Amino acid sequence: MQIGVLIDQTARVDLGVWEWAEGDNPRVLAYYREAGMPQDHDEVPWCAAFVGAVLARCGVQGTGSLLARSYATWGRPVALEDAGPGDVVILSRGAPWQGHVGFFDHLDGARVFLLGGNQGDQVTITGYDRARVVAVRRAIAPADLPPRRAAPGQSTTVRATGVQILAALGAAFEALRSLDGSAQLLVLGVAGLVLLTALWIARERIRKILAGLG
């Protein structure tokens, strides 16, 4: 599997994760930790944390920074017209040092759509003016990531899905300790949905591997 496709699939598992209005969502706090910049509260801008966390789950080194523009020189450059799944898009925002970063989803006329975190305080697919694009960068695949895998246990998608399952369960248990009964049911419901999605992705990947299409 190409590294860009793996990154894209891994990022999509977290669609819908949101920044809580009260308290701190442990799923968002996990992004900071996985990106290498732990924080105590989810109000700290987390678009770069989401990108860094997804890359880390795929075995790719991010910038280790919470600054969106730190990705402007990361990886290798790609023209916006040639962007594909898993490519990182950096946008301008306000002052020269400010910005926004997310994963390329698609182009639609004058708008570029990004799969990113902290977009309306959520992980969403959102459109932006393509004139704001500062750079598009592509991940350099790890040397130990071949294009095909011989067995399900070797699949990078399956490994990444396992990490996502553990992260979701860990975050849910962490949140349950500090919530009341109704809030606990909500957290369990969200964690269950993420778990089912991740298991479905793993099942489909294993099926393709066994069919010789991995």
N, C-alpha and C. Protein backbone atom coordinates (compact mmCIF):
# COMPACT_ATOMS: atom_id res chain seq x y z
N MET A 1 0.84 -1.20 0.00
CA MET A 1 0.00 0.00 0.00
C MET A 1 0.87 1.25 0.00
N GLN A 2 0.50 2.24 -0.80
CA GLN A 2 1.23 3.49 -0.82
C GLN A 2 1.06 4.21 0.51
N ILE A 3 2.12 4.93 0.92
CA ILE A 3 2.09 5.61 2.22
C ILE A 3 0.98 6.66 2.26
N GLY A 4 0.73 7.34 1.13
CA GLY A 4 -0.31 8.36 1.12
C GLY A 4 -1.69 7.78 1.39
N VAL A 5 -1.97 6.62 0.82
CA VAL A 5 -3.26 5.97 1.03
C VAL A 5 -3.41 5.55 2.49
N LEU A 6 -2.34 5.03 3.07
CA LEU A 6 -2.36 4.64 4.48
C LEU A 6 -2.64 5.84 5.37
N ILE A 7 -1.97 6.96 5.09
CA ILE A 7 -2.18 8.19 5.88
C ILE A 7 -3.63 8.63 5.76
N ASP A 8 -4.17 8.63 4.55
CA ASP A 8 -5.54 9.06 4.32
C ASP A 8 -6.53 8.17 5.07
N GLN A 9 -6.36 6.87 4.99
CA GLN A 9 -7.27 5.94 5.67
C GLN A 9 -7.19 6.11 7.18
N THR A 10 -5.99 6.32 7.68
CA THR A 10 -5.80 6.48 9.12
C THR A 10 -6.47 7.76 9.61
N ALA A 11 -6.34 8.85 8.85
CA ALA A 11 -6.95 10.12 9.24
C ALA A 11 -8.47 10.03 9.25
N ARG A 12 -9.05 9.31 8.30
CA ARG A 12 -10.51 9.24 8.18
C ARG A 12 -11.16 8.52 9.35
N VAL A 13 -10.44 7.66 10.01
CA VAL A 13 -11.00 6.96 11.16
C VAL A 13 -11.43 7.96 12.24
N ASP A 14 -10.77 9.12 12.33
CA ASP A 14 -11.05 10.08 13.39
C ASP A 14 -12.05 11.17 12.98
N LEU A 15 -12.64 11.08 11.80
CA LEU A 15 -13.63 12.07 11.40
C LEU A 15 -14.74 12.16 12.46
N GLY A 16 -15.05 13.38 12.87
CA GLY A 16 -16.09 13.60 13.86
C GLY A 16 -15.60 13.83 15.27
N VAL A 17 -14.30 13.57 15.54
CA VAL A 17 -13.76 13.87 16.87
C VAL A 17 -13.84 15.37 17.09
N TRP A 18 -14.30 15.79 18.26
CA TRP A 18 -14.53 17.20 18.49
C TRP A 18 -13.84 17.69 19.76
N GLU A 19 -13.66 18.99 19.84
CA GLU A 19 -13.12 19.65 21.02
C GLU A 19 -14.28 19.96 21.95
N TRP A 20 -14.26 19.40 23.15
CA TRP A 20 -15.38 19.55 24.07
C TRP A 20 -15.55 21.00 24.51
N ALA A 21 -16.81 21.44 24.65
CA ALA A 21 -17.10 22.79 25.14
C ALA A 21 -16.73 22.92 26.61
N GLU A 22 -16.91 21.84 27.36
CA GLU A 22 -16.53 21.82 28.78
C GLU A 22 -15.60 20.64 29.01
N GLY A 23 -14.49 20.91 29.70
CA GLY A 23 -13.52 19.86 29.91
C GLY A 23 -12.65 19.66 28.68
N ASP A 24 -11.88 18.60 28.68
CA ASP A 24 -10.92 18.34 27.60
C ASP A 24 -11.13 16.94 27.05
N ASN A 25 -11.34 16.87 25.75
CA ASN A 25 -11.53 15.58 25.11
C ASN A 25 -10.22 14.80 25.11
N PRO A 26 -10.16 13.63 25.76
CA PRO A 26 -8.91 12.86 25.80
C PRO A 26 -8.43 12.43 24.42
N ARG A 27 -9.36 12.32 23.45
CA ARG A 27 -8.93 11.99 22.09
C ARG A 27 -8.07 13.10 21.52
N VAL A 28 -8.46 14.37 21.78
CA VAL A 28 -7.67 15.50 21.29
C VAL A 28 -6.35 15.60 22.05
N LEU A 29 -6.40 15.40 23.37
CA LEU A 29 -5.16 15.43 24.15
C LEU A 29 -4.18 14.36 23.66
N ALA A 30 -4.72 13.24 23.19
CA ALA A 30 -3.85 12.18 22.66
C ALA A 30 -3.12 12.64 21.40
N TYR A 31 -3.76 13.50 20.59
CA TYR A 31 -3.09 14.00 19.39
C TYR A 31 -1.81 14.74 19.77
N TYR A 32 -1.91 15.59 20.79
CA TYR A 32 -0.72 16.34 21.22
C TYR A 32 0.40 15.38 21.62
N ARG A 33 0.05 14.36 22.41
CA ARG A 33 1.07 13.41 22.87
C ARG A 33 1.69 12.66 21.70
N GLU A 34 0.85 12.16 20.80
CA GLU A 34 1.37 11.38 19.67
C GLU A 34 2.22 12.24 18.74
N ALA A 35 1.90 13.53 18.67
CA ALA A 35 2.68 14.45 17.82
C ALA A 35 3.97 14.90 18.51
N GLY A 36 4.12 14.54 19.80
CA GLY A 36 5.35 14.88 20.52
C GLY A 36 5.30 16.20 21.25
N MET A 37 4.09 16.79 21.41
CA MET A 37 3.93 18.08 22.10
C MET A 37 2.77 17.98 23.08
N PRO A 38 2.92 17.26 24.20
CA PRO A 38 1.81 17.07 25.15
C PRO A 38 1.27 18.40 25.69
N GLN A 39 -0.04 18.46 25.85
CA GLN A 39 -0.71 19.65 26.39
C GLN A 39 -1.72 19.20 27.44
N ASP A 40 -2.10 20.15 28.32
CA ASP A 40 -3.05 19.85 29.38
C ASP A 40 -4.49 20.15 28.98
N HIS A 41 -4.68 20.99 27.96
CA HIS A 41 -6.03 21.41 27.56
C HIS A 41 -6.17 21.38 26.04
N ASP A 42 -7.39 21.08 25.58
CA ASP A 42 -7.60 20.97 24.14
C ASP A 42 -7.93 22.30 23.47
N GLU A 43 -7.82 23.43 24.23
CA GLU A 43 -8.01 24.73 23.60
C GLU A 43 -6.79 25.18 22.79
N VAL A 44 -5.64 24.56 23.03
CA VAL A 44 -4.44 24.88 22.26
C VAL A 44 -4.68 24.45 20.82
N PRO A 45 -4.45 25.34 19.81
CA PRO A 45 -4.70 24.97 18.41
C PRO A 45 -4.09 23.60 18.09
N TRP A 46 -4.91 22.73 17.49
CA TRP A 46 -4.47 21.34 17.35
C TRP A 46 -4.50 20.80 15.93
N CYS A 47 -4.56 21.68 14.92
CA CYS A 47 -4.53 21.17 13.54
C CYS A 47 -3.21 20.45 13.26
N ALA A 48 -2.08 21.03 13.70
CA ALA A 48 -0.78 20.39 13.47
C ALA A 48 -0.61 19.17 14.36
N ALA A 49 -1.23 19.17 15.53
CA ALA A 49 -1.17 18.00 16.41
C ALA A 49 -1.88 16.82 15.75
N PHE A 50 -3.02 17.08 15.11
CA PHE A 50 -3.75 16.01 14.42
C PHE A 50 -2.91 15.44 13.29
N VAL A 51 -2.30 16.32 12.49
CA VAL A 51 -1.46 15.86 11.38
C VAL A 51 -0.30 15.03 11.92
N GLY A 52 0.37 15.53 12.96
CA GLY A 52 1.51 14.81 13.54
C GLY A 52 1.12 13.47 14.11
N ALA A 53 -0.06 13.40 14.75
CA ALA A 53 -0.52 12.15 15.34
C ALA A 53 -0.82 11.10 14.27
N VAL A 54 -1.49 11.52 13.20
CA VAL A 54 -1.81 10.59 12.11
C VAL A 54 -0.53 10.08 11.46
N LEU A 55 0.41 10.98 11.21
CA LEU A 55 1.69 10.55 10.62
C LEU A 55 2.40 9.55 11.53
N ALA A 56 2.40 9.83 12.84
CA ALA A 56 3.08 8.93 13.78
C ALA A 56 2.45 7.55 13.76
N ARG A 57 1.13 7.48 13.65
CA ARG A 57 0.45 6.18 13.59
C ARG A 57 0.84 5.39 12.35
N CYS A 58 1.28 6.11 11.32
CA CYS A 58 1.67 5.47 10.06
C CYS A 58 3.18 5.23 9.98
N GLY A 59 3.89 5.51 11.07
CA GLY A 59 5.33 5.31 11.09
C GLY A 59 6.11 6.39 10.38
N VAL A 60 5.50 7.57 10.19
CA VAL A 60 6.16 8.70 9.52
C VAL A 60 6.44 9.80 10.53
N GLN A 61 7.62 10.36 10.49
CA GLN A 61 8.00 11.42 11.41
C GLN A 61 7.40 12.75 10.98
N GLY A 62 6.66 13.40 11.89
CA GLY A 62 6.14 14.74 11.63
C GLY A 62 7.19 15.79 11.98
N THR A 63 6.76 17.02 12.18
CA THR A 63 7.71 18.09 12.52
C THR A 63 7.92 18.22 14.02
N GLY A 64 7.04 17.62 14.83
CA GLY A 64 7.16 17.76 16.27
C GLY A 64 6.80 19.15 16.75
N SER A 65 6.07 19.90 15.95
CA SER A 65 5.70 21.28 16.28
C SER A 65 4.19 21.44 16.17
N LEU A 66 3.64 22.38 16.96
CA LEU A 66 2.23 22.71 16.87
C LEU A 66 1.98 23.86 15.92
N LEU A 67 3.02 24.37 15.27
CA LEU A 67 2.87 25.43 14.28
C LEU A 67 2.53 24.81 12.93
N ALA A 68 1.40 25.21 12.36
CA ALA A 68 0.98 24.65 11.09
C ALA A 68 2.03 24.85 10.01
N ARG A 69 2.67 26.03 10.01
CA ARG A 69 3.63 26.33 8.94
C ARG A 69 4.94 25.56 9.08
N SER A 70 5.11 24.84 10.17
CA SER A 70 6.31 24.01 10.29
C SER A 70 6.31 22.92 9.22
N TYR A 71 5.12 22.62 8.65
CA TYR A 71 5.04 21.58 7.61
C TYR A 71 5.34 22.12 6.21
N ALA A 72 5.59 23.42 6.10
CA ALA A 72 5.84 24.01 4.79
C ALA A 72 7.15 23.52 4.17
N THR A 73 8.06 23.01 4.98
CA THR A 73 9.33 22.49 4.46
C THR A 73 9.51 21.01 4.78
N TRP A 74 8.47 20.37 5.25
CA TRP A 74 8.51 18.95 5.61
C TRP A 74 8.29 18.09 4.37
N GLY A 75 8.82 16.88 4.36
CA GLY A 75 8.60 15.97 3.24
C GLY A 75 9.17 16.51 1.94
N ARG A 76 8.44 16.28 0.85
CA ARG A 76 8.89 16.81 -0.44
C ARG A 76 7.75 17.57 -1.11
N PRO A 77 8.07 18.59 -1.92
CA PRO A 77 7.02 19.44 -2.49
C PRO A 77 6.23 18.74 -3.60
N VAL A 78 4.95 19.14 -3.69
CA VAL A 78 4.05 18.63 -4.72
C VAL A 78 3.19 19.80 -5.19
N ALA A 79 2.94 19.87 -6.49
CA ALA A 79 2.03 20.90 -7.00
C ALA A 79 0.61 20.60 -6.54
N LEU A 80 -0.17 21.63 -6.26
CA LEU A 80 -1.54 21.43 -5.79
C LEU A 80 -2.33 20.59 -6.78
N GLU A 81 -2.12 20.81 -8.07
CA GLU A 81 -2.85 20.05 -9.10
C GLU A 81 -2.49 18.57 -9.09
N ASP A 82 -1.34 18.23 -8.51
CA ASP A 82 -0.89 16.83 -8.46
C ASP A 82 -1.11 16.21 -7.10
N ALA A 83 -1.75 16.94 -6.18
CA ALA A 83 -1.93 16.44 -4.81
C ALA A 83 -2.82 15.21 -4.81
N GLY A 84 -2.56 14.33 -3.85
CA GLY A 84 -3.34 13.11 -3.73
C GLY A 84 -3.57 12.74 -2.28
N PRO A 85 -4.16 11.58 -2.02
CA PRO A 85 -4.47 11.16 -0.66
C PRO A 85 -3.23 11.18 0.23
N GLY A 86 -3.38 11.71 1.44
CA GLY A 86 -2.30 11.73 2.40
C GLY A 86 -1.34 12.89 2.27
N ASP A 87 -1.44 13.68 1.19
CA ASP A 87 -0.57 14.85 1.06
C ASP A 87 -0.98 15.92 2.07
N VAL A 88 0.00 16.65 2.57
CA VAL A 88 -0.24 17.67 3.59
C VAL A 88 -0.32 19.04 2.91
N VAL A 89 -1.39 19.78 3.21
CA VAL A 89 -1.61 21.10 2.62
C VAL A 89 -1.50 22.15 3.73
N ILE A 90 -0.69 23.18 3.49
CA ILE A 90 -0.50 24.26 4.44
C ILE A 90 -1.16 25.51 3.90
N LEU A 91 -1.98 26.16 4.73
CA LEU A 91 -2.70 27.37 4.35
C LEU A 91 -2.20 28.57 5.13
N SER A 92 -2.33 29.76 4.53
CA SER A 92 -2.02 31.00 5.24
C SER A 92 -3.19 31.35 6.15
N ARG A 93 -2.88 32.10 7.22
CA ARG A 93 -3.94 32.55 8.13
C ARG A 93 -3.38 33.68 8.99
N GLY A 94 -3.86 34.90 8.77
CA GLY A 94 -3.44 36.01 9.61
C GLY A 94 -1.98 36.38 9.42
N ALA A 95 -1.23 36.44 10.53
CA ALA A 95 0.18 36.84 10.51
C ALA A 95 1.01 35.83 9.72
N PRO A 96 2.20 36.26 9.22
CA PRO A 96 3.04 35.37 8.41
C PRO A 96 3.41 34.06 9.09
N TRP A 97 3.46 34.04 10.41
CA TRP A 97 3.85 32.81 11.11
C TRP A 97 2.64 31.92 11.40
N GLN A 98 1.44 32.45 11.17
CA GLN A 98 0.24 31.67 11.44
C GLN A 98 -0.17 30.85 10.21
N GLY A 99 -0.99 29.85 10.44
CA GLY A 99 -1.46 29.05 9.31
C GLY A 99 -2.41 27.96 9.76
N HIS A 100 -2.74 27.11 8.83
CA HIS A 100 -3.57 25.95 9.09
C HIS A 100 -3.01 24.80 8.26
N VAL A 101 -3.14 23.58 8.77
CA VAL A 101 -2.60 22.42 8.06
C VAL A 101 -3.57 21.26 8.16
N GLY A 102 -3.67 20.52 7.07
CA GLY A 102 -4.52 19.34 7.04
C GLY A 102 -4.13 18.46 5.87
N PHE A 103 -4.85 17.38 5.68
CA PHE A 103 -4.57 16.44 4.60
C PHE A 103 -5.46 16.74 3.39
N PHE A 104 -4.89 16.68 2.21
CA PHE A 104 -5.63 16.93 0.98
C PHE A 104 -6.76 15.93 0.82
N ASP A 105 -7.95 16.45 0.47
CA ASP A 105 -9.08 15.57 0.14
C ASP A 105 -9.43 15.70 -1.34
N HIS A 106 -9.77 16.92 -1.78
CA HIS A 106 -10.04 17.11 -3.21
C HIS A 106 -10.08 18.59 -3.55
N LEU A 107 -10.01 18.88 -4.84
CA LEU A 107 -10.15 20.24 -5.36
C LEU A 107 -11.53 20.37 -6.00
N ASP A 108 -12.13 21.56 -5.82
CA ASP A 108 -13.40 21.84 -6.46
C ASP A 108 -13.39 23.31 -6.88
N GLY A 109 -12.96 23.54 -8.12
CA GLY A 109 -12.87 24.91 -8.61
C GLY A 109 -11.84 25.72 -7.84
N ALA A 110 -12.31 26.81 -7.21
CA ALA A 110 -11.41 27.70 -6.48
C ALA A 110 -11.23 27.28 -5.03
N ARG A 111 -11.74 26.11 -4.67
CA ARG A 111 -11.63 25.67 -3.28
C ARG A 111 -10.90 24.35 -3.18
N VAL A 112 -10.09 24.25 -2.12
CA VAL A 112 -9.39 23.01 -1.81
C VAL A 112 -9.99 22.47 -0.51
N PHE A 113 -10.31 21.19 -0.51
CA PHE A 113 -10.94 20.58 0.66
C PHE A 113 -9.90 19.76 1.44
N LEU A 114 -9.86 20.02 2.74
CA LEU A 114 -8.88 19.37 3.61
C LEU A 114 -9.58 18.48 4.63
N LEU A 115 -8.98 17.33 4.88
CA LEU A 115 -9.37 16.47 5.99
C LEU A 115 -8.44 16.85 7.12
N GLY A 116 -8.97 17.57 8.11
CA GLY A 116 -8.07 18.09 9.14
C GLY A 116 -8.73 18.24 10.49
N GLY A 117 -7.90 18.48 11.49
CA GLY A 117 -8.36 18.71 12.85
C GLY A 117 -8.48 20.19 13.14
N ASN A 118 -9.26 20.50 14.19
CA ASN A 118 -9.49 21.88 14.61
C ASN A 118 -10.13 22.70 13.49
N GLN A 119 -10.96 22.06 12.70
CA GLN A 119 -11.74 22.73 11.66
C GLN A 119 -13.15 22.85 12.19
N GLY A 120 -13.49 24.04 12.73
CA GLY A 120 -14.74 24.17 13.45
C GLY A 120 -14.71 23.36 14.73
N ASP A 121 -13.50 23.26 15.35
CA ASP A 121 -13.29 22.51 16.60
C ASP A 121 -13.54 21.01 16.43
N GLN A 122 -13.45 20.51 15.20
CA GLN A 122 -13.66 19.08 14.95
C GLN A 122 -12.67 18.56 13.92
N VAL A 123 -12.65 17.24 13.77
CA VAL A 123 -11.98 16.61 12.62
C VAL A 123 -13.04 16.50 11.54
N THR A 124 -12.87 17.29 10.47
CA THR A 124 -13.87 17.34 9.41
C THR A 124 -13.18 17.41 8.05
N ILE A 125 -13.98 17.39 7.00
CA ILE A 125 -13.52 17.72 5.65
C ILE A 125 -14.14 19.07 5.33
N THR A 126 -13.29 20.08 5.15
CA THR A 126 -13.75 21.46 5.00
C THR A 126 -13.06 22.11 3.80
N GLY A 127 -13.80 22.97 3.09
CA GLY A 127 -13.25 23.66 1.92
C GLY A 127 -12.67 25.02 2.27
N TYR A 128 -11.56 25.38 1.60
CA TYR A 128 -10.89 26.66 1.79
C TYR A 128 -10.54 27.26 0.43
N ASP A 129 -10.37 28.57 0.40
CA ASP A 129 -9.95 29.26 -0.81
C ASP A 129 -8.56 28.76 -1.22
N ARG A 130 -8.43 28.25 -2.43
CA ARG A 130 -7.14 27.69 -2.85
C ARG A 130 -6.05 28.76 -2.92
N ALA A 131 -6.44 30.06 -2.96
CA ALA A 131 -5.45 31.13 -2.96
C ALA A 131 -4.68 31.17 -1.64
N ARG A 132 -5.20 30.53 -0.61
CA ARG A 132 -4.53 30.52 0.69
C ARG A 132 -3.45 29.44 0.79
N VAL A 133 -3.34 28.58 -0.21
CA VAL A 133 -2.38 27.47 -0.15
C VAL A 133 -0.95 28.01 -0.18
N VAL A 134 -0.19 27.68 0.86
CA VAL A 134 1.21 28.08 0.96
C VAL A 134 2.11 27.00 0.37
N ALA A 135 1.77 25.75 0.64
CA ALA A 135 2.59 24.63 0.16
C ALA A 135 1.78 23.35 0.23
N VAL A 136 2.18 22.39 -0.60
CA VAL A 136 1.66 21.03 -0.53
C VAL A 136 2.87 20.12 -0.41
N ARG A 137 2.88 19.26 0.60
CA ARG A 137 4.05 18.41 0.85
C ARG A 137 3.62 16.95 0.93
N ARG A 138 4.49 16.09 0.47
CA ARG A 138 4.19 14.65 0.43
C ARG A 138 5.14 13.90 1.36
N ALA A 139 4.60 12.94 2.09
CA ALA A 139 5.41 12.14 3.02
C ALA A 139 6.42 11.30 2.27
N ILE A 140 7.57 11.15 2.85
CA ILE A 140 8.59 10.24 2.35
C ILE A 140 8.40 8.92 3.07
N ALA A 141 8.10 7.87 2.33
CA ALA A 141 7.78 6.59 2.94
C ALA A 141 8.97 6.04 3.71
N PRO A 142 8.73 5.46 4.88
CA PRO A 142 9.82 4.81 5.61
C PRO A 142 10.48 3.74 4.76
N ALA A 143 11.76 3.52 4.98
CA ALA A 143 12.50 2.57 4.17
C ALA A 143 11.97 1.15 4.32
N ASP A 144 11.31 0.87 5.47
CA ASP A 144 10.85 -0.50 5.72
C ASP A 144 9.39 -0.68 5.32
N LEU A 145 8.85 0.19 4.45
CA LEU A 145 7.45 0.07 4.04
C LEU A 145 7.38 -0.33 2.58
N PRO A 146 7.38 -1.63 2.27
CA PRO A 146 7.30 -2.09 0.88
C PRO A 146 5.90 -1.92 0.34
N PRO A 147 5.73 -2.01 -1.00
CA PRO A 147 4.41 -1.79 -1.60
C PRO A 147 3.40 -2.88 -1.34
N ARG A 148 3.88 -4.10 -0.99
CA ARG A 148 2.96 -5.21 -0.74
C ARG A 148 3.35 -5.90 0.55
N ARG A 149 2.38 -6.56 1.19
CA ARG A 149 2.62 -7.32 2.40
C ARG A 149 2.15 -8.76 2.17
N ALA A 150 2.91 -9.71 2.69
CA ALA A 150 2.61 -11.11 2.44
C ALA A 150 1.56 -11.67 3.38
N ALA A 151 1.42 -11.08 4.58
CA ALA A 151 0.52 -11.64 5.58
C ALA A 151 -0.21 -10.53 6.30
N PRO A 152 -1.43 -10.82 6.81
CA PRO A 152 -2.20 -9.79 7.49
C PRO A 152 -1.44 -9.15 8.64
N GLY A 153 -0.68 -9.92 9.39
CA GLY A 153 0.04 -9.37 10.53
C GLY A 153 1.11 -8.38 10.14
N GLN A 154 1.54 -8.40 8.86
CA GLN A 154 2.57 -7.49 8.40
C GLN A 154 1.99 -6.21 7.83
N SER A 155 0.69 -6.14 7.61
CA SER A 155 0.09 -4.98 6.96
C SER A 155 0.19 -3.74 7.81
N THR A 156 0.68 -2.63 7.20
CA THR A 156 0.78 -1.38 7.94
C THR A 156 -0.59 -0.82 8.26
N THR A 157 -1.60 -1.09 7.41
CA THR A 157 -2.96 -0.64 7.71
C THR A 157 -3.49 -1.35 8.93
N VAL A 158 -3.27 -2.67 9.01
CA VAL A 158 -3.74 -3.43 10.16
C VAL A 158 -3.03 -2.97 11.42
N ARG A 159 -1.71 -2.73 11.33
CA ARG A 159 -0.98 -2.24 12.50
C ARG A 159 -1.49 -0.88 12.93
N ALA A 160 -1.72 0.01 11.97
CA ALA A 160 -2.22 1.34 12.31
C ALA A 160 -3.61 1.25 12.92
N THR A 161 -4.45 0.35 12.39
CA THR A 161 -5.78 0.20 12.95
C THR A 161 -5.70 -0.31 14.38
N GLY A 162 -4.77 -1.21 14.66
CA GLY A 162 -4.58 -1.68 16.03
C GLY A 162 -4.22 -0.55 16.97
N VAL A 163 -3.35 0.35 16.51
CA VAL A 163 -2.99 1.51 17.32
C VAL A 163 -4.21 2.37 17.58
N GLN A 164 -5.04 2.57 16.56
CA GLN A 164 -6.24 3.40 16.71
C GLN A 164 -7.21 2.79 17.70
N ILE A 165 -7.38 1.45 17.65
CA ILE A 165 -8.28 0.79 18.58
C ILE A 165 -7.79 0.98 20.01
N LEU A 166 -6.49 0.77 20.24
CA LEU A 166 -5.95 0.94 21.58
C LEU A 166 -6.06 2.37 22.05
N ALA A 167 -5.83 3.34 21.14
CA ALA A 167 -5.93 4.75 21.51
C ALA A 167 -7.36 5.11 21.89
N ALA A 168 -8.32 4.60 21.13
CA ALA A 168 -9.73 4.90 21.43
C ALA A 168 -10.15 4.31 22.76
N LEU A 169 -9.75 3.06 23.02
CA LEU A 169 -10.10 2.43 24.28
C LEU A 169 -9.43 3.13 25.46
N GLY A 170 -8.14 3.47 25.28
CA GLY A 170 -7.42 4.15 26.35
C GLY A 170 -8.02 5.50 26.67
N ALA A 171 -8.39 6.24 25.61
CA ALA A 171 -8.99 7.55 25.82
C ALA A 171 -10.34 7.43 26.51
N ALA A 172 -11.11 6.41 26.14
CA ALA A 172 -12.43 6.23 26.75
C ALA A 172 -12.31 5.93 28.24
N PHE A 173 -11.41 5.01 28.61
CA PHE A 173 -11.24 4.68 30.02
C PHE A 173 -10.70 5.87 30.81
N GLU A 174 -9.82 6.66 30.17
CA GLU A 174 -9.29 7.84 30.83
C GLU A 174 -10.39 8.85 31.12
N ALA A 175 -11.32 9.00 30.16
CA ALA A 175 -12.41 9.96 30.33
C ALA A 175 -13.43 9.48 31.35
N LEU A 176 -13.69 8.17 31.39
CA LEU A 176 -14.73 7.63 32.25
C LEU A 176 -14.49 7.93 33.73
N ARG A 177 -13.21 8.02 34.11
CA ARG A 177 -12.89 8.22 35.51
C ARG A 177 -13.39 9.55 36.05
N SER A 178 -13.55 10.54 35.16
CA SER A 178 -13.90 11.88 35.63
C SER A 178 -15.30 12.34 35.23
N LEU A 179 -16.14 11.43 34.69
CA LEU A 179 -17.45 11.82 34.19
C LEU A 179 -18.58 11.17 34.98
N ASP A 180 -19.76 11.79 34.91
CA ASP A 180 -20.93 11.21 35.56
C ASP A 180 -21.56 10.15 34.66
N GLY A 181 -22.69 9.57 35.13
CA GLY A 181 -23.27 8.43 34.43
C GLY A 181 -23.67 8.71 33.00
N SER A 182 -24.40 9.80 32.73
CA SER A 182 -24.86 10.08 31.37
C SER A 182 -23.70 10.39 30.44
N ALA A 183 -22.72 11.13 30.96
CA ALA A 183 -21.55 11.45 30.13
C ALA A 183 -20.74 10.19 29.84
N GLN A 184 -20.69 9.27 30.80
CA GLN A 184 -19.98 8.01 30.59
C GLN A 184 -20.61 7.22 29.45
N LEU A 185 -21.95 7.20 29.39
CA LEU A 185 -22.64 6.50 28.30
C LEU A 185 -22.31 7.11 26.96
N LEU A 186 -22.21 8.46 26.90
CA LEU A 186 -21.87 9.13 25.64
C LEU A 186 -20.47 8.76 25.19
N VAL A 187 -19.52 8.79 26.13
CA VAL A 187 -18.13 8.44 25.78
C VAL A 187 -18.04 7.00 25.31
N LEU A 188 -18.74 6.09 26.00
CA LEU A 188 -18.72 4.69 25.59
C LEU A 188 -19.32 4.50 24.20
N GLY A 189 -20.38 5.27 23.91
CA GLY A 189 -20.99 5.18 22.59
C GLY A 189 -20.05 5.61 21.49
N VAL A 190 -19.35 6.75 21.70
CA VAL A 190 -18.40 7.25 20.71
C VAL A 190 -17.25 6.26 20.54
N ALA A 191 -16.71 5.77 21.67
CA ALA A 191 -15.60 4.82 21.59
C ALA A 191 -16.02 3.55 20.85
N GLY A 192 -17.27 3.10 21.09
CA GLY A 192 -17.76 1.91 20.40
C GLY A 192 -17.85 2.12 18.90
N LEU A 193 -18.31 3.31 18.49
CA LEU A 193 -18.41 3.61 17.06
C LEU A 193 -17.03 3.62 16.41
N VAL A 194 -16.05 4.25 17.08
CA VAL A 194 -14.68 4.28 16.54
C VAL A 194 -14.13 2.87 16.45
N LEU A 195 -14.39 2.05 17.47
CA LEU A 195 -13.89 0.68 17.48
C LEU A 195 -14.47 -0.13 16.33
N LEU A 196 -15.78 0.01 16.10
CA LEU A 196 -16.42 -0.73 15.00
C LEU A 196 -15.87 -0.30 13.64
N THR A 197 -15.65 1.02 13.47
CA THR A 197 -15.10 1.53 12.21
C THR A 197 -13.70 0.98 11.97
N ALA A 198 -12.87 1.01 13.02
CA ALA A 198 -11.50 0.52 12.88
C ALA A 198 -11.47 -0.96 12.57
N LEU A 199 -12.35 -1.73 13.23
CA LEU A 199 -12.40 -3.17 12.97
C LEU A 199 -12.86 -3.47 11.54
N TRP A 200 -13.78 -2.66 11.03
CA TRP A 200 -14.25 -2.86 9.65
C TRP A 200 -13.11 -2.61 8.67
N ILE A 201 -12.32 -1.54 8.89
CA ILE A 201 -11.18 -1.25 8.01
C ILE A 201 -10.18 -2.39 8.05
N ALA A 202 -9.89 -2.88 9.25
CA ALA A 202 -8.94 -3.99 9.38
C ALA A 202 -9.45 -5.24 8.67
N ARG A 203 -10.76 -5.50 8.82
CA ARG A 203 -11.33 -6.68 8.16
C ARG A 203 -11.21 -6.60 6.65
N GLU A 204 -11.53 -5.41 6.09
CA GLU A 204 -11.45 -5.24 4.64
C GLU A 204 -10.01 -5.38 4.15
N ARG A 205 -9.07 -4.84 4.92
CA ARG A 205 -7.66 -4.93 4.51
C ARG A 205 -7.18 -6.38 4.53
N ILE A 206 -7.55 -7.11 5.58
CA ILE A 206 -7.15 -8.51 5.68
C ILE A 206 -7.77 -9.32 4.54
N ARG A 207 -9.04 -9.02 4.22
CA ARG A 207 -9.69 -9.74 3.11
C ARG A 207 -8.95 -9.53 1.80
N LYS A 208 -8.51 -8.29 1.54
CA LYS A 208 -7.78 -8.01 0.30
C LYS A 208 -6.42 -8.70 0.29
N ILE A 209 -5.76 -8.70 1.46
CA ILE A 209 -4.45 -9.37 1.54
C ILE A 209 -4.59 -10.84 1.23
N LEU A 210 -5.60 -11.47 1.84
CA LEU A 210 -5.81 -12.90 1.62
C LEU A 210 -6.21 -13.21 0.18
N ALA A 211 -6.80 -12.23 -0.47
CA ALA A 211 -7.19 -12.42 -1.88
C ALA A 211 -6.05 -12.11 -2.83
N GLY A 212 -4.90 -11.67 -2.26
CA GLY A 212 -3.75 -11.37 -3.10
C GLY A 212 -3.74 -9.96 -3.67
N LEU A 213 -4.59 -9.05 -3.07
CA LEU A 213 -4.67 -7.70 -3.59
C LEU A 213 -3.98 -6.71 -2.69
N GLY A 214 -3.34 -7.11 -1.59
CA GLY A 214 -2.74 -6.18 -0.63
C GLY A 214 -1.49 -5.55 -1.15
